[in-house]
Amino acid sequence: MPCLICGEPKTIEAHLIPKAFVAEVKTERGEQHLILHKADKWPRVSNTGVYDRSILCGPCDSILGGHEDYALELLRELRKAKAPPGGIIGVDPINGDRMVRFAAGIAWKYAVTTQPGRIDIGPYGDVLADVALRGMSIPASVDVAMLRIVELDGDVYFYRTPMPDRKDDANVVRFTVGSFVFFLKIDQRRNGSTLPAECWLRGRTKGAFVIGPAELTEEGRMHRQLSSSPPSRRFFTEMRARKARRS
């Protein structure tokens, strides 16, 4: 199947969640991690995360890679900032449009993938392709905000693939990487008021994000439930045993 953007016949193994974000959930080199779905009886073991060979050629994937590299480095820096739950942390400078394009690229990949986890975002599939891959201007119907979630030790070792959701009556695509929940708005309606206006990043060079406790988020509760399941406990026990044998 040719590249969905440019038609190039030769496509590559395009990671749906960027490989660098997948690596962040592992504590040491060579460690594996679990891919869990609530509807699946057994989890999948992975080294690098899920990829799709049928959606992008190398050059088009590199366009998304540029946005993903920017987001990865920014989030690493933002995780150093400390505030109590409910606190708002300013970000100056920030390329807000780059973060919108990053989030649009993640959502677009899951809207077109043939792998498990595909989502339906209707006509916004083409809109997000324009934003993330074709360099088009970002319409007012597309925007992104971030929520930093923290455990007691400050770290959250999981990511969550995109899912359609609603925020303040607007349609969004919601996903989690690097300890941040992203809300990608795909709706003509306004951004809403639950998150401060400065947290919505389209067109901004100064922005902000809110700190929230993981246990009060859907992502945090789901992670706790899935990670405590018998298959997960067996996996982590084996990983600890492997680590002990290597030391």
C-alpha atoms as a PDB file:
ATOM      1  CA  MET A   1       0.000   0.000   0.000  1.00  0.00           C
ATOM      2  CA  PRO A   2       1.493   3.407  -0.952  1.00  0.00           C
ATOM      3  CA  CYS A   3       2.095   6.327   1.404  1.00  0.00           C
ATOM      4  CA  LEU A   4      -1.236   7.899   2.285  1.00  0.00           C
ATOM      5  CA  ILE A   5       0.188  11.415   1.960  1.00  0.00           C
ATOM      6  CA  CYS A   6       2.404  11.490  -1.131  1.00  0.00           C
ATOM      7  CA  GLY A   7       1.703   8.158  -2.842  1.00  0.00           C
ATOM      8  CA  GLU A   8       5.287   6.877  -2.608  1.00  0.00           C
ATOM      9  CA  PRO A   9       5.113   3.087  -3.153  1.00  0.00           C
ATOM     10  CA  LYS A  10       7.775   2.258  -0.562  1.00  0.00           C
ATOM     11  CA  THR A  11       6.514   2.672   2.997  1.00  0.00           C
ATOM     12  CA  ILE A  12       8.249   2.138   6.329  1.00  0.00           C
ATOM     13  CA  GLU A  13       7.478   0.846   9.807  1.00  0.00           C
ATOM     14  CA  ALA A  14       5.904   4.027  11.174  1.00  0.00           C
ATOM     15  CA  HIS A  15       5.498   3.965  14.954  1.00  0.00           C
ATOM     16  CA  LEU A  16       2.035   5.069  16.023  1.00  0.00           C
ATOM     17  CA  ILE A  17       3.226   6.338  19.402  1.00  0.00           C
ATOM     18  CA  PRO A  18       6.748   7.692  18.800  1.00  0.00           C
ATOM     19  CA  LYS A  19       9.438   5.200  19.790  1.00  0.00           C
ATOM     20  CA  ALA A  20      11.126   7.767  22.062  1.00  0.00           C
ATOM     21  CA  PHE A  21       7.965   8.137  24.158  1.00  0.00           C
ATOM     22  CA  VAL A  22       7.617   4.358  24.349  1.00  0.00           C
ATOM     23  CA  ALA A  23      11.201   4.149  25.639  1.00  0.00           C
ATOM     24  CA  GLU A  24      10.376   6.552  28.465  1.00  0.00           C
ATOM     25  CA  VAL A  25       8.161   3.976  30.179  1.00  0.00           C
ATOM     26  CA  LYS A  26      11.113   1.603  30.509  1.00  0.00           C
ATOM     27  CA  THR A  27      13.596   2.085  33.333  1.00  0.00           C
ATOM     28  CA  GLU A  28      16.644   0.522  31.734  1.00  0.00           C
ATOM     29  CA  ARG A  29      18.088  -0.536  28.389  1.00  0.00           C
ATOM     30  CA  GLY A  30      16.686  -3.794  27.016  1.00  0.00           C
ATOM     31  CA  GLU A  31      13.619  -3.805  29.246  1.00  0.00           C
ATOM     32  CA  GLN A  32      10.286  -4.727  27.681  1.00  0.00           C
ATOM     33  CA  HIS A  33       6.870  -3.326  28.466  1.00  0.00           C
ATOM     34  CA  LEU A  34       3.251  -4.332  28.160  1.00  0.00           C
ATOM     35  CA  ILE A  35       0.621  -3.117  25.725  1.00  0.00           C
ATOM     36  CA  LEU A  36      -2.727  -3.511  27.486  1.00  0.00           C
ATOM     37  CA  HIS A  37      -6.248  -3.218  26.127  1.00  0.00           C
ATOM     38  CA  LYS A  38      -9.229  -3.484  28.440  1.00  0.00           C
ATOM     39  CA  ALA A  39     -11.051  -5.798  26.038  1.00  0.00           C
ATOM     40  CA  ASP A  40      -8.097  -8.199  25.617  1.00  0.00           C
ATOM     41  CA  LYS A  41      -7.639 -11.203  27.870  1.00  0.00           C
ATOM     42  CA  TRP A  42      -3.859 -11.221  27.513  1.00  0.00           C
ATOM     43  CA  PRO A  43      -1.446  -8.280  27.092  1.00  0.00           C
ATOM     44  CA  ARG A  44       1.169  -7.960  24.374  1.00  0.00           C
ATOM     45  CA  VAL A  45       4.871  -7.653  25.158  1.00  0.00           C
ATOM     46  CA  SER A  46       6.750  -5.007  23.169  1.00  0.00           C
ATOM     47  CA  ASN A  47      10.212  -3.522  22.810  1.00  0.00           C
ATOM     48  CA  THR A  48       9.408  -0.455  20.731  1.00  0.00           C
ATOM     49  CA  GLY A  49       5.618  -0.093  20.635  1.00  0.00           C
ATOM     50  CA  VAL A  50       3.145  -0.599  17.804  1.00  0.00           C
ATOM     51  CA  TYR A  51       3.970   0.379  14.232  1.00  0.00           C
ATOM     52  CA  ASP A  52       2.160   0.293  10.904  1.00  0.00           C
ATOM     53  CA  ARG A  53       3.897  -0.557   7.616  1.00  0.00           C
ATOM     54  CA  SER A  54       1.073   0.696   5.410  1.00  0.00           C
ATOM     55  CA  ILE A  55       0.600   4.407   6.084  1.00  0.00           C
ATOM     56  CA  LEU A  56       3.760   6.502   5.542  1.00  0.00           C
ATOM     57  CA  CYS A  57       6.966   6.669   3.538  1.00  0.00           C
ATOM     58  CA  GLY A  58      10.229   7.712   5.172  1.00  0.00           C
ATOM     59  CA  PRO A  59      10.158  11.411   4.188  1.00  0.00           C
ATOM     60  CA  CYS A  60       6.546  11.881   5.308  1.00  0.00           C
ATOM     61  CA  ASP A  61       7.211  10.053   8.561  1.00  0.00           C
ATOM     62  CA  SER A  62      10.168  12.406   9.088  1.00  0.00           C
ATOM     63  CA  ILE A  63       7.812  15.395   8.946  1.00  0.00           C
ATOM     64  CA  LEU A  64       5.930  13.968  11.914  1.00  0.00           C
ATOM     65  CA  GLY A  65       9.257  13.065  13.524  1.00  0.00           C
ATOM     66  CA  GLY A  66      10.246  16.728  13.609  1.00  0.00           C
ATOM     67  CA  HIS A  67       7.106  17.653  15.549  1.00  0.00           C
ATOM     68  CA  GLU A  68       7.566  14.631  17.825  1.00  0.00           C
ATOM     69  CA  ASP A  69      11.200  15.506  18.601  1.00  0.00           C
ATOM     70  CA  TYR A  70      10.146  19.039  19.573  1.00  0.00           C
ATOM     71  CA  ALA A  71       7.395  17.715  21.862  1.00  0.00           C
ATOM     72  CA  LEU A  72       9.688  15.116  23.450  1.00  0.00           C
ATOM     73  CA  GLU A  73      12.319  17.661  24.450  1.00  0.00           C
ATOM     74  CA  LEU A  74       9.740  20.195  25.616  1.00  0.00           C
ATOM     75  CA  LEU A  75       7.935  17.707  27.849  1.00  0.00           C
ATOM     76  CA  ARG A  76      11.223  16.560  29.375  1.00  0.00           C
ATOM     77  CA  GLU A  77      11.922  20.133  30.386  1.00  0.00           C
ATOM     78  CA  LEU A  78       8.385  20.757  31.612  1.00  0.00           C
ATOM     79  CA  ARG A  79       8.509  17.722  33.908  1.00  0.00           C
ATOM     80  CA  LYS A  80      11.234  19.483  35.907  1.00  0.00           C
ATOM     81  CA  ALA A  81       8.771  22.186  37.004  1.00  0.00           C
ATOM     82  CA  LYS A  82       7.115  21.544  40.376  1.00  0.00           C
ATOM     83  CA  ALA A  83       3.727  22.684  41.630  1.00  0.00           C
ATOM     84  CA  PRO A  84       1.003  21.253  43.902  1.00  0.00           C
ATOM     85  CA  PRO A  85      -2.016  19.543  42.323  1.00  0.00           C
ATOM     86  CA  GLY A  86      -4.214  22.152  40.739  1.00  0.00           C
ATOM     87  CA  GLY A  87      -1.274  24.446  40.112  1.00  0.00           C
ATOM     88  CA  ILE A  88      -0.761  26.162  36.784  1.00  0.00           C
ATOM     89  CA  ILE A  89       2.759  26.330  35.353  1.00  0.00           C
ATOM     90  CA  GLY A  90       3.615  28.863  32.674  1.00  0.00           C
ATOM     91  CA  VAL A  91       5.660  27.900  29.632  1.00  0.00           C
ATOM     92  CA  ASP A  92       7.732  30.629  27.989  1.00  0.00           C
ATOM     93  CA  PRO A  93       8.703  30.220  25.228  1.00  0.00           C
ATOM     94  CA  ILE A  94       6.630  27.577  23.501  1.00  0.00           C
ATOM     95  CA  ASN A  95       5.833  26.931  19.870  1.00  0.00           C
ATOM     96  CA  GLY A  96       2.160  26.301  20.386  1.00  0.00           C
ATOM     97  CA  ASP A  97       1.477  25.527  16.740  1.00  0.00           C
ATOM     98  CA  ARG A  98       4.206  22.886  16.792  1.00  0.00           C
ATOM     99  CA  MET A  99       2.447  21.178  19.695  1.00  0.00           C
ATOM    100  CA  VAL A 100      -0.848  21.255  17.794  1.00  0.00           C
ATOM    101  CA  ARG A 101       0.862  19.657  14.788  1.00  0.00           C
ATOM    102  CA  PHE A 102       2.457  17.037  17.053  1.00  0.00           C
ATOM    103  CA  ALA A 103      -0.900  16.068  18.574  1.00  0.00           C
ATOM    104  CA  ALA A 104      -2.603  16.165  15.173  1.00  0.00           C
ATOM    105  CA  GLY A 105      -0.020  13.732  13.808  1.00  0.00           C
ATOM    106  CA  ILE A 106      -0.567  11.220  16.613  1.00  0.00           C
ATOM    107  CA  ALA A 107      -4.339  11.366  16.191  1.00  0.00           C
ATOM    108  CA  TRP A 108      -4.119  11.125  12.402  1.00  0.00           C
ATOM    109  CA  LYS A 109      -2.007   7.962  12.567  1.00  0.00           C
ATOM    110  CA  TYR A 110      -4.614   6.289  14.757  1.00  0.00           C
ATOM    111  CA  ALA A 111      -7.378   7.441  12.426  1.00  0.00           C
ATOM    112  CA  VAL A 112      -5.798   5.659   9.443  1.00  0.00           C
ATOM    113  CA  THR A 113      -3.956   2.707  10.970  1.00  0.00           C
ATOM    114  CA  THR A 114      -4.778  -0.908  10.210  1.00  0.00           C
ATOM    115  CA  GLN A 115      -3.522  -1.885  13.680  1.00  0.00           C
ATOM    116  CA  PRO A 116      -5.687  -2.309  16.814  1.00  0.00           C
ATOM    117  CA  GLY A 117      -6.710   1.001  18.338  1.00  0.00           C
ATOM    118  CA  ARG A 118      -7.952   2.695  15.169  1.00  0.00           C
ATOM    119  CA  ILE A 119     -10.268   5.632  15.908  1.00  0.00           C
ATOM    120  CA  ASP A 120     -13.009   7.328  13.891  1.00  0.00           C
ATOM    121  CA  ILE A 121     -12.740  11.112  13.691  1.00  0.00           C
ATOM    122  CA  GLY A 122     -14.867  11.604  10.577  1.00  0.00           C
ATOM    123  CA  PRO A 123     -13.855  14.450   8.244  1.00  0.00           C
ATOM    124  CA  TYR A 124     -11.175  15.615  10.655  1.00  0.00           C
ATOM    125  CA  GLY A 125      -8.849  12.900   9.360  1.00  0.00           C
ATOM    126  CA  ASP A 126      -8.122  15.043   6.307  1.00  0.00           C
ATOM    127  CA  VAL A 127      -7.946  18.214   8.399  1.00  0.00           C
ATOM    128  CA  LEU A 128      -5.345  16.703  10.730  1.00  0.00           C
ATOM    129  CA  ALA A 129      -3.322  15.420   7.766  1.00  0.00           C
ATOM    130  CA  ASP A 130      -3.235  18.983   6.410  1.00  0.00           C
ATOM    131  CA  VAL A 131      -2.112  20.332   9.788  1.00  0.00           C
ATOM    132  CA  ALA A 132       0.441  17.668  10.710  1.00  0.00           C
ATOM    133  CA  LEU A 133       1.880  16.642   7.350  1.00  0.00           C
ATOM    134  CA  ARG A 134       1.111  19.218   4.702  1.00  0.00           C
ATOM    135  CA  GLY A 135       2.050  22.365   6.609  1.00  0.00           C
ATOM    136  CA  MET A 136      -1.355  24.002   6.181  1.00  0.00           C
ATOM    137  CA  SER A 137      -2.492  26.750   8.530  1.00  0.00           C
ATOM    138  CA  ILE A 138      -4.210  25.506  11.669  1.00  0.00           C
ATOM    139  CA  PRO A 139      -7.958  26.211  11.639  1.00  0.00           C
ATOM    140  CA  ALA A 140      -9.751  27.494  14.738  1.00  0.00           C
ATOM    141  CA  SER A 141     -11.489  24.132  15.011  1.00  0.00           C
ATOM    142  CA  VAL A 142      -8.172  22.452  15.914  1.00  0.00           C
ATOM    143  CA  ASP A 143      -6.347  23.263  19.156  1.00  0.00           C
ATOM    144  CA  VAL A 144      -4.532  21.401  21.931  1.00  0.00           C
ATOM    145  CA  ALA A 145      -4.165  21.626  25.704  1.00  0.00           C
ATOM    146  CA  MET A 146      -2.042  19.599  28.138  1.00  0.00           C
ATOM    147  CA  LEU A 147      -2.600  18.299  31.671  1.00  0.00           C
ATOM    148  CA  ARG A 148       0.460  17.055  33.595  1.00  0.00           C
ATOM    149  CA  ILE A 149      -0.470  14.080  35.796  1.00  0.00           C
ATOM    150  CA  VAL A 150       1.685  13.032  38.748  1.00  0.00           C
ATOM    151  CA  GLU A 151       1.901  10.075  41.121  1.00  0.00           C
ATOM    152  CA  LEU A 152       3.230  10.408  44.665  1.00  0.00           C
ATOM    153  CA  ASP A 153       6.789  10.008  43.351  1.00  0.00           C
ATOM    154  CA  GLY A 154       6.200  12.487  40.575  1.00  0.00           C
ATOM    155  CA  ASP A 155       6.528   9.982  37.707  1.00  0.00           C
ATOM    156  CA  VAL A 156       3.952   8.249  35.547  1.00  0.00           C
ATOM    157  CA  TYR A 157       5.280   5.248  33.634  1.00  0.00           C
ATOM    158  CA  PHE A 158       2.682   4.646  30.943  1.00  0.00           C
ATOM    159  CA  TYR A 159       1.240   6.043  27.763  1.00  0.00           C
ATOM    160  CA  ARG A 160      -2.298   5.803  26.416  1.00  0.00           C
ATOM    161  CA  THR A 161      -3.249   5.687  22.768  1.00  0.00           C
ATOM    162  CA  PRO A 162      -5.750   8.194  21.312  1.00  0.00           C
ATOM    163  CA  MET A 163      -9.459   7.917  21.917  1.00  0.00           C
ATOM    164  CA  PRO A 164     -12.365  10.183  20.926  1.00  0.00           C
ATOM    165  CA  ASP A 165     -13.795  12.093  23.889  1.00  0.00           C
ATOM    166  CA  ARG A 166     -15.607  15.313  24.768  1.00  0.00           C
ATOM    167  CA  LYS A 167     -14.389  18.273  26.779  1.00  0.00           C
ATOM    168  CA  ASP A 168     -16.715  21.151  27.617  1.00  0.00           C
ATOM    169  CA  ASP A 169     -19.164  19.879  24.957  1.00  0.00           C
ATOM    170  CA  ALA A 170     -16.488  19.943  22.242  1.00  0.00           C
ATOM    171  CA  ASN A 171     -15.152  16.854  20.496  1.00  0.00           C
ATOM    172  CA  VAL A 172     -11.544  16.047  21.328  1.00  0.00           C
ATOM    173  CA  VAL A 173      -9.013  13.287  20.797  1.00  0.00           C
ATOM    174  CA  ARG A 174      -7.419  12.378  24.110  1.00  0.00           C
ATOM    175  CA  PHE A 175      -4.085  10.600  24.563  1.00  0.00           C
ATOM    176  CA  THR A 176      -1.227  10.386  27.063  1.00  0.00           C
ATOM    177  CA  VAL A 177       2.547  10.491  26.588  1.00  0.00           C
ATOM    178  CA  GLY A 178       5.405  11.690  28.764  1.00  0.00           C
ATOM    179  CA  SER A 179       3.205  12.160  31.877  1.00  0.00           C
ATOM    180  CA  PHE A 180       0.916  14.566  29.996  1.00  0.00           C
ATOM    181  CA  VAL A 181      -2.686  14.073  28.926  1.00  0.00           C
ATOM    182  CA  PHE A 182      -3.322  15.824  25.616  1.00  0.00           C
ATOM    183  CA  PHE A 183      -6.720  17.141  24.587  1.00  0.00           C
ATOM    184  CA  LEU A 184      -6.747  17.762  20.835  1.00  0.00           C
ATOM    185  CA  LYS A 185      -9.890  19.685  19.992  1.00  0.00           C
ATOM    186  CA  ILE A 186     -11.510  18.803  16.650  1.00  0.00           C
ATOM    187  CA  ASP A 187     -14.639  20.890  16.781  1.00  0.00           C
ATOM    188  CA  GLN A 188     -15.928  24.276  15.629  1.00  0.00           C
ATOM    189  CA  ARG A 189     -17.173  24.952  19.159  1.00  0.00           C
ATOM    190  CA  ARG A 190     -15.160  26.985  21.626  1.00  0.00           C
ATOM    191  CA  ASN A 191     -12.386  25.507  23.720  1.00  0.00           C
ATOM    192  CA  GLY A 192     -14.368  25.677  26.948  1.00  0.00           C
ATOM    193  CA  SER A 193     -13.440  27.028  30.358  1.00  0.00           C
ATOM    194  CA  THR A 194     -12.431  23.967  32.426  1.00  0.00           C
ATOM    195  CA  LEU A 195      -8.803  24.581  31.467  1.00  0.00           C
ATOM    196  CA  PRO A 196      -7.504  28.169  31.544  1.00  0.00           C
ATOM    197  CA  ALA A 197      -7.374  29.910  28.180  1.00  0.00           C
ATOM    198  CA  GLU A 198      -3.578  30.015  28.228  1.00  0.00           C
ATOM    199  CA  CYS A 199      -3.466  26.194  28.298  1.00  0.00           C
ATOM    200  CA  TRP A 200      -4.863  26.065  24.756  1.00  0.00           C
ATOM    201  CA  LEU A 201      -1.747  26.398  22.634  1.00  0.00           C
ATOM    202  CA  ARG A 202      -2.747  27.181  19.048  1.00  0.00           C
ATOM    203  CA  GLY A 203      -0.899  30.338  17.944  1.00  0.00           C
ATOM    204  CA  ARG A 204       0.816  30.845  21.310  1.00  0.00           C
ATOM    205  CA  THR A 205       4.432  31.621  22.085  1.00  0.00           C
ATOM    206  CA  LYS A 206       3.628  31.665  25.813  1.00  0.00           C
ATOM    207  CA  GLY A 207       1.422  28.976  27.274  1.00  0.00           C
ATOM    208  CA  ALA A 208       0.664  26.974  30.406  1.00  0.00           C
ATOM    209  CA  PHE A 209      -0.382  23.584  31.721  1.00  0.00           C
ATOM    210  CA  VAL A 210      -2.181  22.347  34.838  1.00  0.00           C
ATOM    211  CA  ILE A 211      -0.836  19.811  37.364  1.00  0.00           C
ATOM    212  CA  GLY A 212      -3.275  17.061  38.366  1.00  0.00           C
ATOM    213  CA  PRO A 213      -3.031  13.921  40.556  1.00  0.00           C
ATOM    214  CA  ALA A 214      -3.038  10.761  38.448  1.00  0.00           C
ATOM    215  CA  GLU A 215      -5.565   9.001  40.686  1.00  0.00           C
ATOM    216  CA  LEU A 216      -8.216  11.586  39.796  1.00  0.00           C
ATOM    217  CA  THR A 217      -7.829  11.053  36.059  1.00  0.00           C
ATOM    218  CA  GLU A 218      -9.322   8.328  33.903  1.00  0.00           C
ATOM    219  CA  GLU A 219      -5.815   7.481  32.709  1.00  0.00           C
ATOM    220  CA  GLY A 220      -4.415   7.091  36.214  1.00  0.00           C
ATOM    221  CA  ARG A 221      -7.256   4.884  37.405  1.00  0.00           C
ATOM    222  CA  MET A 222      -7.081   2.708  34.293  1.00  0.00           C
ATOM    223  CA  HIS A 223      -3.321   2.321  34.618  1.00  0.00           C
ATOM    224  CA  ARG A 224      -3.637   1.234  38.230  1.00  0.00           C
ATOM    225  CA  GLN A 225      -6.368  -1.282  37.385  1.00  0.00           C
ATOM    226  CA  LEU A 226      -4.567  -2.806  34.391  1.00  0.00           C
ATOM    227  CA  SER A 227      -1.134  -2.908  36.007  1.00  0.00           C
ATOM    228  CA  SER A 228      -2.532  -4.853  38.991  1.00  0.00           C
ATOM    229  CA  SER A 229      -4.135  -7.562  36.838  1.00  0.00           C
ATOM    230  CA  PRO A 230      -2.683 -11.103  37.126  1.00  0.00           C
ATOM    231  CA  PRO A 231      -0.999 -11.077  33.657  1.00  0.00           C
ATOM    232  CA  SER A 232       0.661  -7.754  34.449  1.00  0.00           C
ATOM    233  CA  ARG A 233       1.859  -8.911  37.862  1.00  0.00           C
ATOM    234  CA  ARG A 234       3.396 -12.025  36.320  1.00  0.00           C
ATOM    235  CA  PHE A 235       5.155  -9.941  33.686  1.00  0.00           C
ATOM    236  CA  PHE A 236       6.629  -7.464  36.177  1.00  0.00           C
ATOM    237  CA  THR A 237       7.728 -10.304  38.475  1.00  0.00           C
ATOM    238  CA  GLU A 238       9.618 -11.865  35.564  1.00  0.00           C
ATOM    239  CA  MET A 239      11.178  -8.518  34.635  1.00  0.00           C
ATOM    240  CA  ARG A 240      12.432  -8.053  38.197  1.00  0.00           C
ATOM    241  CA  ALA A 241      13.828 -11.599  38.150  1.00  0.00           C
ATOM    242  CA  ARG A 242      15.673 -10.902  34.887  1.00  0.00           C
ATOM    243  CA  LYS A 243      17.122  -7.740  36.359  1.00  0.00           C
ATOM    244  CA  ALA A 244      18.309  -9.642  39.436  1.00  0.00           C
ATOM    245  CA  ARG A 245      19.997 -12.266  37.257  1.00  0.00           C
ATOM    246  CA  ARG A 246      21.827  -9.565  35.276  1.00  0.00           C
ATOM    247  CA  SER A 247      23.135  -7.804  38.387  1.00  0.00           C
END
